[in-house]
């Protein structure tokens, strides 16, 4: 299969959170603390945790890992007081549950220094640091922070006709309002980032669409 379409279309905004009253104020402060880890049924999550720890020069060897199978269990361990920090997408319903259960949560700022970005992307190559702004649906975010983003990717079979892939790529790039009506996450789509190099070849049909629209690859 080859990549086509909305690479970069919808950034997933993720982060690390602690109790609002925790003395942990930065990622560096996590050294030696208990952290949800493993994520055996969602292994990509382990990589996101490794990448965020790396922004402060930490690895899991610096932590006390508490093994969990998935994100939900990680939050449940947090609510039960068995871990000091865990991860989730900002705005996720489970984080609102945690916020209510422990008297408030707080997201940790990863910083936006070049060294932090370099460390993040060294572990998770297609990730990047972006700013998250407070919104009513994001529990625990009282002020802007820099956190981890990475992009959803669609794959198509290499044998799929180029004209069909070109048409689908165009629908995704040009029908943001209609798509967002069904899936609000499309509101965050930035079509100019859809042609993002993730190290896998693009389908010829997608390339044809981007060339026709004058869209350049995003490195």
Protein backbone atom coordinates (compact mmCIF):
# COMPACT_ATOMS: atom_id res chain seq x y z
CA UNK A 1 0.00 0.00 0.00
CA UNK A 2 1.10 3.56 -0.58
CA UNK A 3 0.19 6.75 1.23
CA UNK A 4 -2.26 9.19 -0.22
CA UNK A 5 -4.56 11.92 0.97
CA UNK A 6 -4.87 13.67 4.24
CA UNK A 7 -1.53 13.23 5.88
CA UNK A 8 -1.50 16.16 8.26
CA UNK A 9 -5.19 16.82 7.76
CA UNK A 10 -6.24 16.27 11.36
CA UNK A 11 -3.56 16.69 14.00
CA UNK A 12 -4.06 14.58 17.11
CA UNK A 13 -3.19 16.72 20.14
CA UNK A 14 -1.88 14.64 23.00
CA UNK A 15 -0.09 15.30 26.28
CA UNK A 16 0.83 14.25 29.78
CA UNK A 17 -1.33 15.23 32.72
CA UNK A 18 -1.04 15.19 36.52
CA UNK A 19 -3.32 16.18 39.38
CA UNK A 20 -3.96 19.91 39.54
CA UNK A 21 -2.49 19.99 43.07
CA UNK A 22 0.56 17.91 42.15
CA UNK A 23 4.01 19.37 42.88
CA UNK A 24 5.01 18.21 39.38
CA UNK A 25 5.27 21.37 37.31
CA UNK A 26 7.32 20.25 34.30
CA UNK A 27 8.31 17.10 32.43
CA UNK A 28 11.69 17.21 34.18
CA UNK A 29 9.87 16.92 37.51
CA UNK A 30 8.56 13.51 36.43
CA UNK A 31 11.88 11.80 37.11
CA UNK A 32 11.32 8.92 39.53
CA UNK A 33 7.54 9.26 39.41
CA UNK A 34 4.95 6.57 38.69
CA UNK A 35 3.74 6.62 35.09
CA UNK A 36 1.21 4.54 33.11
CA UNK A 37 3.17 2.63 30.50
CA UNK A 38 3.26 -0.43 28.27
CA UNK A 39 -0.04 0.05 26.42
CA UNK A 40 0.18 -3.46 24.98
CA UNK A 41 -3.05 -3.10 23.00
CA UNK A 42 -2.13 0.41 21.76
CA UNK A 43 1.62 0.29 21.24
CA UNK A 44 1.73 3.66 19.49
CA UNK A 45 0.87 5.23 22.84
CA UNK A 46 4.05 3.88 24.42
CA UNK A 47 6.00 5.67 21.69
CA UNK A 48 4.18 8.95 22.34
CA UNK A 49 5.06 8.69 26.04
CA UNK A 50 8.70 7.94 25.21
CA UNK A 51 8.78 10.95 22.88
CA UNK A 52 7.30 13.36 25.42
CA UNK A 53 9.67 12.18 28.15
CA UNK A 54 12.56 12.72 25.74
CA UNK A 55 11.79 16.45 25.55
CA UNK A 56 13.19 16.69 29.10
CA UNK A 57 16.03 14.24 28.52
CA UNK A 58 14.20 11.41 30.29
CA UNK A 59 13.52 7.80 29.33
CA UNK A 60 11.29 5.19 30.92
CA UNK A 61 14.38 4.01 32.83
CA UNK A 62 14.11 7.23 34.83
CA UNK A 63 10.53 6.45 35.82
CA UNK A 64 8.49 3.95 37.82
CA UNK A 65 6.36 2.37 35.08
CA UNK A 66 2.97 0.90 35.93
CA UNK A 67 1.99 -1.40 33.08
CA UNK A 68 -1.45 -0.90 31.51
CA UNK A 69 -2.99 -2.34 28.35
CA UNK A 70 -4.55 0.86 27.00
CA UNK A 71 -5.24 4.56 27.48
CA UNK A 72 -8.45 4.05 29.43
CA UNK A 73 -6.75 1.81 31.98
CA UNK A 74 -3.99 4.37 32.33
CA UNK A 75 -6.51 7.03 33.33
CA UNK A 76 -8.23 4.61 35.69
CA UNK A 77 -4.91 3.89 37.41
CA UNK A 78 -4.43 7.67 37.68
CA UNK A 79 -7.86 8.17 39.25
CA UNK A 80 -7.14 5.35 41.69
CA UNK A 81 -3.94 7.08 42.77
CA UNK A 82 -1.65 4.33 41.50
CA UNK A 83 0.18 6.53 38.99
CA UNK A 84 1.27 10.16 39.19
CA UNK A 85 1.01 10.89 35.48
CA UNK A 86 -0.57 9.44 32.38
CA UNK A 87 -1.36 10.44 28.82
CA UNK A 88 -4.43 11.08 26.70
CA UNK A 89 -5.65 13.26 23.84
CA UNK A 90 -6.56 16.74 25.03
CA UNK A 91 -10.33 17.04 25.20
CA UNK A 92 -10.92 13.29 25.52
CA UNK A 93 -14.02 12.33 27.51
CA UNK A 94 -11.99 10.18 29.89
CA UNK A 95 -9.90 13.20 30.90
CA UNK A 96 -13.08 15.02 31.92
CA UNK A 97 -13.94 12.04 34.11
CA UNK A 98 -10.47 12.16 35.67
CA UNK A 99 -10.75 15.92 36.21
CA UNK A 100 -13.98 15.43 38.17
CA UNK A 101 -12.70 12.40 40.08
CA UNK A 102 -9.48 13.88 41.49
CA UNK A 103 -10.46 17.50 41.98
CA UNK A 104 -8.80 18.73 38.80
CA UNK A 105 -6.05 17.74 36.38
CA UNK A 106 -3.27 19.79 34.80
CA UNK A 107 -1.44 19.28 31.50
CA UNK A 108 2.35 19.59 31.36
CA UNK A 109 4.03 21.98 28.95
CA UNK A 110 6.67 20.31 26.76
CA UNK A 111 8.31 23.60 25.86
CA UNK A 112 8.99 24.76 22.32
CA UNK A 113 12.77 24.95 22.31
CA UNK A 114 14.51 23.44 19.26
CA UNK A 115 16.12 20.81 21.51
CA UNK A 116 12.69 19.67 22.71
CA UNK A 117 11.36 19.38 19.17
CA UNK A 118 14.48 17.51 18.07
CA UNK A 119 14.19 15.06 20.97
CA UNK A 120 10.48 14.54 20.33
CA UNK A 121 10.84 13.82 16.63
CA UNK A 122 13.87 11.61 17.16
CA UNK A 123 11.62 9.17 19.02
CA UNK A 124 8.42 9.78 17.03
CA UNK A 125 9.57 10.93 13.61
CA UNK A 126 6.34 12.49 12.35
CA UNK A 127 5.42 14.29 15.56
CA UNK A 128 5.86 17.97 16.26
CA UNK A 129 5.29 20.46 19.06
CA UNK A 130 2.31 22.78 18.79
CA UNK A 131 0.39 25.15 21.02
CA UNK A 132 -2.84 24.03 22.68
CA UNK A 133 -5.20 26.80 23.72
CA UNK A 134 -7.80 26.50 26.51
CA UNK A 135 -11.26 25.52 25.32
CA UNK A 136 -14.40 24.57 27.27
CA UNK A 137 -14.12 20.94 26.17
CA UNK A 138 -10.51 20.52 27.34
CA UNK A 139 -10.53 19.63 31.02
CA UNK A 140 -7.50 20.81 32.96
CA UNK A 141 -6.15 23.28 30.41
CA UNK A 142 -6.27 26.69 32.06
CA UNK A 143 -3.57 28.39 30.00
CA UNK A 144 -1.85 27.76 26.64
CA UNK A 145 0.80 25.03 26.58
CA UNK A 146 3.14 23.49 24.07
CA UNK A 147 2.38 19.84 23.61
CA UNK A 148 2.73 16.92 21.18
CA UNK A 149 0.89 16.69 17.87
CA UNK A 150 0.95 14.02 15.20
CA UNK A 151 -1.11 13.55 12.08
CA UNK A 152 -3.63 10.97 10.99
CA UNK A 153 -2.66 9.13 7.79
CA UNK A 154 -4.78 7.40 5.16
CA UNK A 155 -3.38 4.53 3.11
CA UNK A 156 -4.57 3.32 -0.29
CA UNK A 157 -3.64 0.20 -2.20
CA UNK A 158 -1.01 0.95 -4.81
CA UNK A 159 -3.25 -0.66 -7.46
CA UNK A 160 -6.16 1.70 -6.82
CA UNK A 161 -6.85 3.74 -10.00
CA UNK A 162 -5.12 7.11 -9.93
CA UNK A 163 -8.23 9.03 -10.99
CA UNK A 164 -10.18 7.68 -8.02
CA UNK A 165 -7.41 8.54 -5.58
CA UNK A 166 -7.12 12.01 -7.08
CA UNK A 167 -10.85 12.57 -6.67
CA UNK A 168 -10.89 11.33 -3.07
CA UNK A 169 -7.86 13.45 -2.20
CA UNK A 170 -9.71 16.47 -3.56
CA UNK A 171 -12.86 15.72 -1.58
CA UNK A 172 -10.88 15.51 1.65
CA UNK A 173 -8.90 18.68 0.92
CA UNK A 174 -11.84 20.78 -0.29
CA UNK A 175 -14.85 19.65 1.73
CA UNK A 176 -13.72 20.60 5.21
CA UNK A 177 -17.07 22.08 6.29
CA UNK A 178 -19.09 19.06 5.17
CA UNK A 179 -16.64 16.60 6.69
CA UNK A 180 -16.54 18.53 9.97
CA UNK A 181 -20.34 18.28 10.20
CA UNK A 182 -19.92 14.52 10.53
CA UNK A 183 -16.60 14.54 12.40
CA UNK A 184 -15.75 17.79 14.26
CA UNK A 185 -12.03 16.95 14.26
CA UNK A 186 -11.99 18.05 10.60
CA UNK A 187 -12.30 21.63 11.85
CA UNK A 188 -8.58 21.42 12.62
CA UNK A 189 -7.69 20.35 9.08
CA UNK A 190 -5.05 22.43 7.32
CA UNK A 191 -5.12 21.40 3.65
CA UNK A 192 -1.70 22.92 3.03
CA UNK A 193 -0.27 20.25 5.37
CA UNK A 194 -1.95 17.33 3.62
CA UNK A 195 1.05 16.66 1.38
CA UNK A 196 3.39 15.80 4.22
CA UNK A 197 6.35 13.49 3.75
CA UNK A 198 6.28 10.63 6.24
CA UNK A 199 8.82 8.50 4.39
CA UNK A 200 6.27 6.38 2.50
CA UNK A 201 5.57 6.94 -1.24
CA UNK A 202 2.47 8.90 -2.18
CA UNK A 203 -0.03 7.38 -4.59
CA UNK A 204 0.27 8.78 -8.14
CA UNK A 205 -3.32 10.02 -7.93
CA UNK A 206 -2.60 12.07 -4.81
CA UNK A 207 0.53 13.52 -6.38
CA UNK A 208 -1.49 14.51 -9.45
CA UNK A 209 -3.98 16.39 -7.28
CA UNK A 210 -1.32 18.25 -5.32
CA UNK A 211 0.59 19.22 -8.46
CA UNK A 212 -2.60 20.48 -10.09
CA UNK A 213 -3.33 22.67 -7.05
CA UNK A 214 0.25 23.86 -6.67
CA UNK A 215 0.58 22.28 -3.21
CA UNK A 216 4.17 21.56 -2.24
CA UNK A 217 5.34 18.67 -0.03
CA UNK A 218 5.65 19.48 3.67
CA UNK A 219 8.89 18.22 5.20
